[in-house]
Amino acid sequence: MKRFIERKDPVASHVLLYHRPPKPTAQNQKLFVFLLPRNISKDQVDKDYREWKYLQGTSYCKLIKDQRYVLSCPGAPQGCKILPKRAAEFDLYFGNQYHPTFEIRLPTSTEEVPIRINDETDLVVWEYEVDLKDPNEVPPSVKVQSESFALQENFLKILEELGDEEFKNFKWRLMQLPNKCLKKDQQTFSKENMADRLVQHYSSEEAVQVMKTTLQKMGRNDLVNLL
């Protein structure tokens, strides 16, 4: 009878992850880890963490009431901090608010972090590779390409306003620049080629300045306003 009373059966549970992306001035980002019985839904936890982003993943596991669990992040970047440092107990009493079982603090540059949860016997009860990247964020390389294309389109629109003689004058002035944006064998460039050349040869800020200065010297201040 005593053995039957002390037996602790596993509880159908899940691990819920909530992420707070770093602010521009912050040095770290936070990840809350909740160990909860499966009858506590994500929607119930959401109410307490509206400003946090829920990270969807494989969450199901089985945990034992009153048993202690340890969270680790094997291979995590330097600066990763896990709280509490000791094991945390899986409790079925929550009161009026849900508090995270663990808190992970990570450098702002961290995009992925492995999470592993072990029981008292060191058995792995749950593990997952967490992706912290924003799926809606545009990669820097794509963003630069997009900005360059938009600038090139704007330059072409401006060049289309130049007559044939004005465009020849425009190219002649570029050939006089110290850094040789346009060489003699490129003076037959079309307006499309010229817009592309400006974007490829200069940074965005430099290209705009060259366009502005050249158009001003040509007396086309009306086009400068389009930059």
Protein backbone atom coordinates (compact mmCIF):
# COMPACT_ATOMS: atom_id res chain seq x y z
CA MET A 1 0.00 0.00 0.00
CA LYS A 2 2.82 2.43 0.86
CA ARG A 3 4.52 1.86 -2.51
CA PHE A 4 1.25 2.54 -4.32
CA ILE A 5 0.72 5.85 -2.45
CA GLU A 6 4.26 7.09 -3.14
CA ARG A 7 4.22 6.19 -6.81
CA LYS A 8 4.41 9.27 -9.02
CA ASP A 9 2.99 8.83 -12.48
CA PRO A 10 4.20 11.08 -15.32
CA VAL A 11 1.93 13.99 -16.16
CA ALA A 12 1.17 14.83 -19.80
CA SER A 13 2.96 18.16 -20.11
CA HIS A 14 4.35 20.66 -22.56
CA VAL A 15 7.17 23.19 -22.71
CA LEU A 16 6.11 26.69 -23.77
CA LEU A 17 8.66 29.24 -24.96
CA TYR A 18 8.19 33.00 -24.91
CA HIS A 19 10.74 35.33 -26.42
CA ARG A 20 11.27 39.04 -25.87
CA PRO A 21 13.31 40.43 -28.79
CA PRO A 22 16.09 42.79 -27.73
CA LYS A 23 15.57 46.53 -27.75
CA PRO A 24 18.06 48.58 -29.80
CA THR A 25 20.00 49.64 -26.70
CA ALA A 26 19.80 46.27 -24.90
CA GLN A 27 22.76 43.93 -24.55
CA ASN A 28 20.74 40.74 -24.22
CA GLN A 29 17.47 39.10 -25.15
CA LYS A 30 15.31 36.96 -22.90
CA LEU A 31 13.63 33.63 -23.35
CA PHE A 32 11.09 32.36 -20.80
CA VAL A 33 10.63 28.59 -20.50
CA PHE A 34 7.43 27.25 -18.92
CA LEU A 35 7.02 23.64 -17.77
CA LEU A 36 3.25 23.14 -17.60
CA PRO A 37 0.71 20.33 -17.54
CA ARG A 38 -0.99 20.01 -20.90
CA ASN A 39 -4.37 21.09 -19.54
CA ILE A 40 -2.90 24.61 -19.17
CA SER A 41 -3.23 26.02 -22.68
CA LYS A 42 -1.03 28.51 -24.48
CA ASP A 43 -3.96 30.96 -24.56
CA GLN A 44 -4.04 31.06 -20.76
CA VAL A 45 -0.36 31.94 -20.58
CA ASP A 46 -0.66 34.50 -23.40
CA LYS A 47 -2.80 36.72 -21.20
CA ASP A 48 0.13 37.33 -18.86
CA TYR A 49 2.72 37.80 -21.62
CA ARG A 50 1.07 39.87 -24.32
CA GLU A 51 4.27 41.75 -25.12
CA TRP A 52 6.23 38.55 -25.56
CA LYS A 53 6.39 36.42 -28.70
CA TYR A 54 5.35 32.79 -28.41
CA LEU A 55 7.79 30.45 -30.18
CA GLN A 56 6.06 27.46 -31.68
CA GLY A 57 7.86 24.13 -31.60
CA THR A 58 7.65 20.50 -30.50
CA SER A 59 6.48 21.01 -26.95
CA TYR A 60 5.00 17.74 -25.68
CA CYS A 61 6.73 15.79 -22.94
CA LYS A 62 5.95 13.90 -19.73
CA LEU A 63 6.97 15.31 -16.35
CA ILE A 64 6.52 14.15 -12.76
CA LYS A 65 4.94 16.32 -10.10
CA ASP A 66 7.37 17.62 -7.45
CA GLN A 67 10.38 16.27 -9.36
CA ARG A 68 13.21 18.68 -10.06
CA TYR A 69 14.45 19.44 -13.57
CA VAL A 70 17.59 21.08 -14.91
CA LEU A 71 17.74 23.21 -18.05
CA SER A 72 20.91 23.50 -20.12
CA CYS A 73 21.90 25.09 -23.43
CA PRO A 74 24.71 22.91 -24.82
CA GLY A 75 26.79 24.79 -27.35
CA ALA A 76 25.16 28.13 -26.53
CA PRO A 77 27.23 31.28 -27.21
CA GLN A 78 29.39 32.85 -24.53
CA GLY A 79 27.34 35.13 -22.34
CA CYS A 80 24.38 32.78 -22.11
CA LYS A 81 22.90 32.82 -18.60
CA ILE A 82 20.27 30.44 -17.20
CA LEU A 83 18.13 31.24 -14.18
CA PRO A 84 17.74 29.64 -11.77
CA LYS A 85 21.17 28.05 -11.85
CA ARG A 86 19.90 25.15 -9.77
CA ALA A 87 17.18 22.64 -10.62
CA ALA A 88 13.56 23.82 -10.67
CA GLU A 89 10.60 21.88 -9.35
CA PHE A 90 7.65 20.91 -11.53
CA ASP A 91 4.70 22.19 -9.50
CA LEU A 92 1.02 21.93 -10.39
CA TYR A 93 -0.04 24.98 -8.37
CA PHE A 94 0.02 28.27 -10.30
CA GLY A 95 -2.27 30.71 -8.54
CA ASN A 96 -3.60 33.63 -10.61
CA GLN A 97 -0.51 34.10 -12.76
CA TYR A 98 1.89 31.86 -14.64
CA HIS A 99 5.55 32.35 -13.88
CA PRO A 100 8.34 30.94 -16.05
CA THR A 101 10.15 27.88 -14.74
CA PHE A 102 13.39 29.08 -16.31
CA GLU A 103 14.74 32.29 -17.80
CA ILE A 104 17.47 32.28 -20.44
CA ARG A 105 19.44 35.45 -21.18
CA LEU A 106 21.32 35.53 -24.46
CA PRO A 107 23.48 38.04 -26.37
CA THR A 108 21.42 40.08 -28.83
CA SER A 109 23.28 38.53 -31.78
CA THR A 110 22.10 35.00 -30.91
CA GLU A 111 19.87 33.55 -33.64
CA GLU A 112 19.61 29.94 -32.46
CA VAL A 113 19.91 28.25 -29.09
CA PRO A 114 19.64 24.55 -28.17
CA ILE A 115 17.59 23.81 -25.04
CA ARG A 116 17.71 20.55 -23.11
CA ILE A 117 15.78 19.58 -19.99
CA ASN A 118 16.98 16.70 -17.80
CA ASP A 119 15.29 15.05 -14.85
CA GLU A 120 16.90 14.11 -11.51
CA THR A 121 18.42 10.97 -13.02
CA ASP A 122 19.99 13.02 -15.84
CA LEU A 123 17.54 11.59 -18.37
CA VAL A 124 16.69 13.98 -21.20
CA VAL A 125 12.93 14.58 -21.09
CA TRP A 126 12.79 17.34 -23.72
CA GLU A 127 15.13 19.11 -26.12
CA TYR A 128 14.71 21.49 -29.00
CA GLU A 129 16.74 23.80 -31.26
CA VAL A 130 15.08 27.19 -30.83
CA ASP A 131 15.13 29.64 -33.73
CA LEU A 132 15.13 33.24 -32.49
CA LYS A 133 15.22 34.90 -35.90
CA ASP A 134 12.24 36.99 -36.95
CA PRO A 135 10.71 35.26 -40.03
CA ASN A 136 9.49 38.67 -41.24
CA GLU A 137 12.88 40.32 -40.98
CA VAL A 138 14.55 41.00 -44.31
CA PRO A 139 18.14 39.68 -44.45
CA PRO A 140 20.71 42.51 -44.68
CA SER A 141 21.92 41.37 -48.14
CA VAL A 142 18.37 41.37 -49.51
CA LYS A 143 17.67 44.73 -47.91
CA VAL A 144 20.75 46.27 -49.54
CA GLN A 145 19.80 44.84 -52.94
CA SER A 146 16.27 46.18 -52.57
CA GLU A 147 17.51 49.65 -51.65
CA SER A 148 20.00 49.66 -54.55
CA PHE A 149 17.29 48.67 -57.01
CA ALA A 150 14.97 51.42 -55.75
CA LEU A 151 17.80 53.98 -56.09
CA GLN A 152 18.61 52.77 -59.59
CA GLU A 153 14.95 53.07 -60.58
CA ASN A 154 14.83 56.64 -59.26
CA PHE A 155 18.04 57.58 -61.10
CA LEU A 156 16.63 56.19 -64.34
CA LYS A 157 13.42 58.16 -63.88
CA ILE A 158 15.49 61.35 -63.50
CA LEU A 159 17.74 60.59 -66.48
CA GLU A 160 14.68 60.00 -68.64
CA GLU A 161 13.89 63.69 -68.14
CA LEU A 162 17.13 64.70 -69.86
CA GLY A 163 17.16 65.38 -73.58
CA ASP A 164 19.80 63.76 -75.83
CA GLU A 165 22.21 66.70 -75.61
CA GLU A 166 21.67 67.07 -71.90
CA PHE A 167 22.39 63.38 -71.37
CA LYS A 168 25.63 63.69 -73.36
CA ASN A 169 26.55 66.66 -71.16
CA PHE A 170 25.70 64.60 -68.06
CA LYS A 171 28.02 61.77 -69.13
CA TRP A 172 30.78 64.21 -70.10
CA ARG A 173 30.70 65.73 -66.61
CA LEU A 174 30.97 62.29 -64.99
CA MET A 175 34.02 61.57 -67.14
CA GLN A 176 35.73 64.62 -65.60
CA LEU A 177 35.39 63.36 -62.02
CA PRO A 178 38.61 62.33 -60.26
CA ASN A 179 37.48 58.78 -59.50
CA LYS A 180 36.49 58.09 -63.12
CA CYS A 181 32.92 56.96 -62.66
CA LEU A 182 32.61 56.90 -66.44
CA LYS A 183 35.44 56.06 -68.83
CA LYS A 184 35.79 57.11 -72.46
CA ASP A 185 34.80 53.70 -73.79
CA GLN A 186 31.56 53.95 -71.75
CA GLN A 187 30.33 57.26 -73.16
CA THR A 188 27.85 55.36 -75.34
CA PHE A 189 26.06 54.09 -72.22
CA SER A 190 22.28 54.19 -72.36
CA LYS A 191 20.31 55.80 -69.56
CA GLU A 192 19.64 52.34 -68.08
CA ASN A 193 23.38 51.55 -68.15
CA MET A 194 24.17 54.93 -66.60
CA ALA A 195 21.74 54.47 -63.71
CA ASP A 196 23.21 51.01 -63.03
CA ARG A 197 26.77 52.34 -63.24
CA LEU A 198 26.13 55.03 -60.64
CA VAL A 199 24.69 52.52 -58.16
CA GLN A 200 27.48 50.00 -58.73
CA HIS A 201 30.36 52.50 -58.62
CA TYR A 202 29.32 54.51 -55.55
CA SER A 203 27.70 53.96 -52.18
CA SER A 204 24.08 55.09 -52.03
CA GLU A 205 24.97 58.38 -50.33
CA GLU A 206 27.83 59.10 -52.77
CA ALA A 207 25.72 58.28 -55.82
CA VAL A 208 22.98 60.66 -54.71
CA GLN A 209 25.54 63.41 -54.09
CA VAL A 210 27.13 62.92 -57.54
CA MET A 211 23.72 63.07 -59.20
CA LYS A 212 22.80 66.17 -57.21
CA THR A 213 26.03 68.05 -57.95
CA THR A 214 26.03 67.16 -61.66
CA LEU A 215 22.40 68.17 -62.18
CA GLN A 216 22.98 71.47 -60.35
CA LYS A 217 25.94 72.27 -62.62
CA MET A 218 23.67 71.57 -65.58
CA GLY A 219 21.05 73.96 -64.24
CA ARG A 220 18.49 71.19 -63.68
CA ASN A 221 17.58 71.98 -60.09
CA ASP A 222 14.05 70.78 -60.85
CA LEU A 223 15.43 67.25 -61.10
CA VAL A 224 17.51 67.63 -57.95
CA ASN A 225 14.25 67.87 -56.02
CA LEU A 226 13.41 64.31 -57.17
CA LEU A 227 16.39 62.82 -55.33
